[in-house]
Amino acid sequence: MKSHLPRICLLATLLLTVLSIQAKEIPKFVEALGRASVAVSTPAGVPEDWLLAHVDVETTGLVPGFHEMIDFGLIITDLEGRELDRLFLRIMPDHPERAQPGAVRVNGFSVELWQQRGFISTSEAVDEIAAFHRKIAGDRNVLFVGYNAWFDISFVDHLFRSSGRTWRELYHYFVLDLPSMAWSLGIRDLAGQKFVDKLGIEPETTDPLEHTGITGAQANVNVYRALLKVQAKAE
């Protein structure tokens, strides 16, 4: 008669593994996701229930979770691009030593400059962003709008996770990406002088001492408004 001991040991190991996984604490930002509201309308159906958050961030590099946000620019508009309010925050990263030279050439970041200009912590930034949204948006739905939006939303995601929260507290699950919107209208330059020339708008400043999240957010609003005009002409 064969021994059932190996099979019993295997089952016991699997059971202990399952119990161990269940016993692990669920991250706070995952719990927060479960509390995020779900939109019951669409921008097409009830446009007055929707706003746009045009967001641009500057960072210490290209890798979310390793590099960090150093400033945050936000302009909230209605669906026609009319501005309601704006917010700009300068943030001191926890690991400024990770700043990449390429990023610094773009945004001028240094600990000394941030100390001169004033800054807040990452946790304070999360609280201020959330409070601003509550004040301006209220119970309306908000779509996140970005230029190469995956980059900005990834850093916003990590910022909120660092405080045990989720960006879904503020924004709808879908995001709007401006180059993708332009692509659908036949404008496929992605960025650069040709792109802004085709839209008839001024490019964002490239001066590292002036290039910030709020100048980027304003540039995003300008692109969005211009794309609406292109779309209207095409109809």
Protein backbone atom coordinates (compact mmCIF):
# COMPACT_ATOMS: atom_id res chain seq x y z
CA MET A 1 0.00 0.00 0.00
CA LYS A 2 1.47 3.34 -1.11
CA SER A 3 2.06 6.01 1.48
CA HIS A 4 -0.12 9.12 1.24
CA LEU A 5 2.40 11.15 3.23
CA PRO A 6 3.92 13.05 0.25
CA ARG A 7 0.46 14.08 -0.97
CA ILE A 8 -0.60 15.15 2.52
CA CYS A 9 2.58 17.22 2.89
CA LEU A 10 1.95 18.89 -0.46
CA LEU A 11 -1.64 19.75 0.46
CA ALA A 12 -0.50 21.10 3.82
CA THR A 13 2.10 23.27 2.10
CA LEU A 14 -0.48 24.65 -0.34
CA LEU A 15 -2.90 25.37 2.51
CA LEU A 16 -0.24 27.23 4.48
CA THR A 17 0.68 29.23 1.38
CA VAL A 18 -2.95 30.27 0.80
CA LEU A 19 -3.40 31.22 4.45
CA SER A 20 -0.16 33.20 4.35
CA ILE A 21 -1.30 35.15 1.29
CA GLN A 22 -4.70 35.88 2.88
CA ALA A 23 -3.04 36.98 6.09
CA LYS A 24 -0.95 39.62 4.34
CA GLU A 25 -2.24 43.13 4.80
CA ILE A 26 -3.91 44.64 1.75
CA PRO A 27 -2.09 47.88 0.80
CA LYS A 28 -3.97 51.00 1.81
CA PHE A 29 -3.96 52.35 -1.73
CA VAL A 30 -5.72 49.17 -2.90
CA GLU A 31 -8.35 49.57 -0.18
CA ALA A 32 -8.77 53.20 -1.23
CA LEU A 33 -9.42 52.07 -4.80
CA GLY A 34 -12.43 50.13 -3.56
CA ARG A 35 -13.89 53.36 -2.18
CA ALA A 36 -13.48 55.33 -5.41
CA SER A 37 -16.73 56.55 -6.90
CA VAL A 38 -18.03 55.21 -10.21
CA ALA A 39 -19.46 57.59 -12.82
CA VAL A 40 -23.07 56.92 -13.76
CA SER A 41 -23.12 59.36 -16.70
CA THR A 42 -20.89 60.03 -19.71
CA PRO A 43 -19.47 63.29 -21.08
CA ALA A 44 -21.64 62.80 -24.18
CA GLY A 45 -24.80 62.22 -22.19
CA VAL A 46 -24.50 64.77 -19.38
CA PRO A 47 -21.61 67.13 -20.25
CA GLU A 48 -22.38 69.51 -17.38
CA ASP A 49 -21.50 66.72 -14.93
CA TRP A 50 -17.95 66.50 -16.26
CA LEU A 51 -14.76 68.55 -15.95
CA LEU A 52 -11.24 68.18 -17.33
CA ALA A 53 -8.06 68.22 -15.25
CA HIS A 54 -5.19 69.29 -17.48
CA VAL A 55 -2.14 68.01 -15.61
CA ASP A 56 1.58 68.29 -16.18
CA VAL A 57 4.32 67.16 -13.83
CA GLU A 58 8.07 67.65 -13.68
CA THR A 59 10.17 64.83 -12.28
CA THR A 60 13.68 63.75 -11.35
CA GLY A 61 13.69 61.21 -14.19
CA LEU A 62 11.70 58.87 -16.37
CA VAL A 63 11.01 55.90 -14.09
CA PRO A 64 7.90 56.20 -11.87
CA GLY A 65 8.49 54.67 -8.47
CA PHE A 66 12.24 55.31 -8.58
CA HIS A 67 12.27 58.88 -9.80
CA GLU A 68 9.88 61.36 -8.20
CA MET A 69 7.65 64.29 -8.91
CA ILE A 70 9.20 67.68 -8.19
CA ASP A 71 6.27 69.85 -9.19
CA PHE A 72 2.62 69.53 -10.17
CA GLY A 73 0.60 71.80 -12.42
CA LEU A 74 -3.18 71.53 -12.78
CA ILE A 75 -5.76 73.57 -14.66
CA ILE A 76 -9.39 72.52 -14.37
CA THR A 77 -11.67 73.39 -17.29
CA ASP A 78 -15.07 72.48 -18.58
CA LEU A 79 -15.36 70.27 -21.67
CA GLU A 80 -15.02 73.33 -23.93
CA GLY A 81 -11.68 74.25 -22.37
CA ARG A 82 -12.92 77.19 -20.31
CA GLU A 83 -10.78 77.53 -17.19
CA LEU A 84 -12.33 77.25 -13.73
CA ASP A 85 -9.20 77.38 -11.58
CA ARG A 86 -5.55 76.29 -11.39
CA LEU A 87 -3.07 74.87 -8.90
CA PHE A 88 0.72 74.73 -8.82
CA LEU A 89 2.78 72.88 -6.23
CA ARG A 90 6.55 72.59 -5.88
CA ILE A 91 7.50 69.33 -4.15
CA MET A 92 10.77 68.27 -2.52
CA PRO A 93 11.48 64.65 -3.51
CA ASP A 94 12.55 62.14 -0.87
CA HIS A 95 15.53 61.13 -3.00
CA PRO A 96 16.89 64.21 -4.79
CA GLU A 97 20.16 62.36 -5.38
CA ARG A 98 18.38 60.25 -8.01
CA ALA A 99 17.78 63.24 -10.29
CA GLN A 100 18.98 62.50 -13.81
CA PRO A 101 21.04 65.14 -15.65
CA GLY A 102 18.61 65.09 -18.57
CA ALA A 103 15.67 65.88 -16.30
CA VAL A 104 17.57 68.68 -14.58
CA ARG A 105 18.38 70.24 -17.95
CA VAL A 106 14.65 70.43 -18.63
CA ASN A 107 13.27 71.58 -15.26
CA GLY A 108 16.27 73.15 -13.49
CA PHE A 109 15.76 71.12 -10.31
CA SER A 110 18.18 71.43 -7.43
CA VAL A 111 17.66 71.17 -3.69
CA GLU A 112 19.08 74.66 -3.25
CA LEU A 113 16.73 76.22 -5.82
CA TRP A 114 13.70 74.49 -4.30
CA GLN A 115 14.70 75.74 -0.87
CA GLN A 116 14.90 79.27 -2.27
CA ARG A 117 11.57 79.11 -4.06
CA GLY A 118 9.67 77.19 -1.39
CA PHE A 119 8.29 73.67 -1.46
CA ILE A 120 6.00 71.20 0.28
CA SER A 121 6.38 67.51 1.11
CA THR A 122 4.89 64.65 -0.90
CA SER A 123 2.23 63.96 1.74
CA GLU A 124 1.27 67.64 1.85
CA ALA A 125 1.03 67.64 -1.94
CA VAL A 126 -1.46 64.77 -1.93
CA ASP A 127 -3.63 66.56 0.64
CA GLU A 128 -3.55 69.85 -1.27
CA ILE A 129 -4.39 68.25 -4.61
CA ALA A 130 -7.32 66.37 -3.09
CA ALA A 131 -8.61 69.46 -1.26
CA PHE A 132 -8.37 71.56 -4.42
CA HIS A 133 -10.38 69.00 -6.36
CA ARG A 134 -13.07 68.85 -3.69
CA LYS A 135 -13.37 72.63 -3.76
CA ILE A 136 -13.53 73.05 -7.53
CA ALA A 137 -15.09 69.83 -8.82
CA GLY A 138 -17.40 68.95 -5.95
CA ASP A 139 -19.35 65.85 -6.97
CA ARG A 140 -18.72 66.27 -10.70
CA ASN A 141 -16.71 63.69 -12.63
CA VAL A 142 -13.21 64.66 -13.70
CA LEU A 143 -11.22 63.33 -16.65
CA PHE A 144 -7.43 63.47 -16.44
CA VAL A 145 -5.90 65.11 -19.53
CA GLY A 146 -2.20 64.95 -20.32
CA TYR A 147 0.40 65.27 -23.04
CA ASN A 148 1.72 61.72 -23.23
CA ALA A 149 -0.69 61.14 -20.39
CA TRP A 150 0.62 57.74 -19.25
CA PHE A 151 3.78 59.48 -17.98
CA ASP A 152 1.99 62.04 -15.83
CA ILE A 153 -0.65 59.68 -14.48
CA SER A 154 2.04 57.13 -13.56
CA PHE A 155 3.82 59.68 -11.39
CA VAL A 156 0.54 60.90 -9.89
CA ASP A 157 -0.28 57.26 -9.13
CA HIS A 158 2.97 56.76 -7.24
CA LEU A 159 2.57 60.07 -5.41
CA PHE A 160 -0.84 59.01 -4.09
CA ARG A 161 0.33 55.49 -3.30
CA SER A 162 3.05 56.95 -1.08
CA SER A 163 0.26 58.26 1.16
CA GLY A 164 -1.84 55.10 0.99
CA ARG A 165 -4.30 56.71 -1.42
CA THR A 166 -5.26 56.41 -5.09
CA TRP A 167 -5.63 58.89 -7.93
CA ARG A 168 -9.00 57.26 -8.63
CA GLU A 169 -10.34 59.26 -5.69
CA LEU A 170 -10.19 62.25 -8.02
CA TYR A 171 -10.22 61.09 -11.62
CA HIS A 172 -12.26 58.82 -13.85
CA TYR A 173 -10.73 55.51 -14.91
CA PHE A 174 -10.27 56.74 -18.49
CA VAL A 175 -7.68 59.42 -19.30
CA LEU A 176 -7.38 61.68 -22.34
CA ASP A 177 -4.05 61.81 -24.19
CA LEU A 178 -3.55 64.91 -26.34
CA PRO A 179 -1.15 63.46 -28.96
CA SER A 180 -3.61 60.59 -29.46
CA MET A 181 -6.42 63.09 -29.98
CA ALA A 182 -4.25 64.95 -32.51
CA TRP A 183 -3.35 61.70 -34.28
CA SER A 184 -7.03 60.96 -34.87
CA LEU A 185 -7.31 64.35 -36.60
CA GLY A 186 -4.39 63.64 -38.93
CA ILE A 187 -1.75 65.55 -36.93
CA ARG A 188 0.97 62.97 -36.39
CA ASP A 189 4.05 65.01 -35.47
CA LEU A 190 3.58 64.05 -31.77
CA ALA A 191 5.53 67.10 -30.54
CA GLY A 192 7.89 69.86 -31.59
CA GLN A 193 7.66 73.02 -33.65
CA LYS A 194 5.76 71.41 -36.54
CA PHE A 195 3.12 70.23 -34.11
CA VAL A 196 2.44 73.65 -32.59
CA ASP A 197 2.70 75.33 -36.00
CA LYS A 198 -0.09 73.12 -37.35
CA LEU A 199 -2.24 74.05 -34.36
CA GLY A 200 -1.35 77.74 -34.53
CA ILE A 201 -0.20 78.00 -30.91
CA GLU A 202 2.97 79.01 -29.09
CA PRO A 203 5.26 76.26 -27.75
CA GLU A 204 5.90 75.87 -24.04
CA THR A 205 9.01 77.60 -22.73
CA THR A 206 12.22 75.57 -22.77
CA ASP A 207 13.97 77.78 -20.18
CA PRO A 208 14.68 75.34 -17.31
CA LEU A 209 14.13 78.09 -14.73
CA GLU A 210 10.69 78.85 -16.16
CA HIS A 211 9.62 75.38 -17.37
CA THR A 212 7.24 74.00 -14.73
CA GLY A 213 4.18 71.85 -14.30
CA ILE A 214 1.91 74.88 -14.60
CA THR A 215 3.50 76.08 -17.85
CA GLY A 216 3.01 72.54 -19.11
CA ALA A 217 -0.60 72.45 -17.95
CA GLN A 218 -1.26 75.76 -19.73
CA ALA A 219 0.36 74.37 -22.88
CA ASN A 220 -1.93 71.34 -22.60
CA VAL A 221 -5.00 73.56 -22.35
CA ASN A 222 -3.83 75.49 -25.43
CA VAL A 223 -3.40 72.23 -27.36
CA TYR A 224 -6.82 70.98 -26.26
CA ARG A 225 -8.57 74.18 -27.33
CA ALA A 226 -6.75 74.15 -30.68
CA LEU A 227 -7.74 70.51 -31.29
CA LEU A 228 -11.38 71.40 -30.66
CA LYS A 229 -11.10 74.06 -33.38
CA VAL A 230 -9.51 71.60 -35.81
CA GLN A 231 -12.29 69.13 -35.09
CA ALA A 232 -14.99 71.77 -35.59
CA LYS A 233 -13.55 72.72 -39.00
CA ALA A 234 -13.48 69.08 -40.05
CA GLU A 235 -17.15 68.51 -39.24
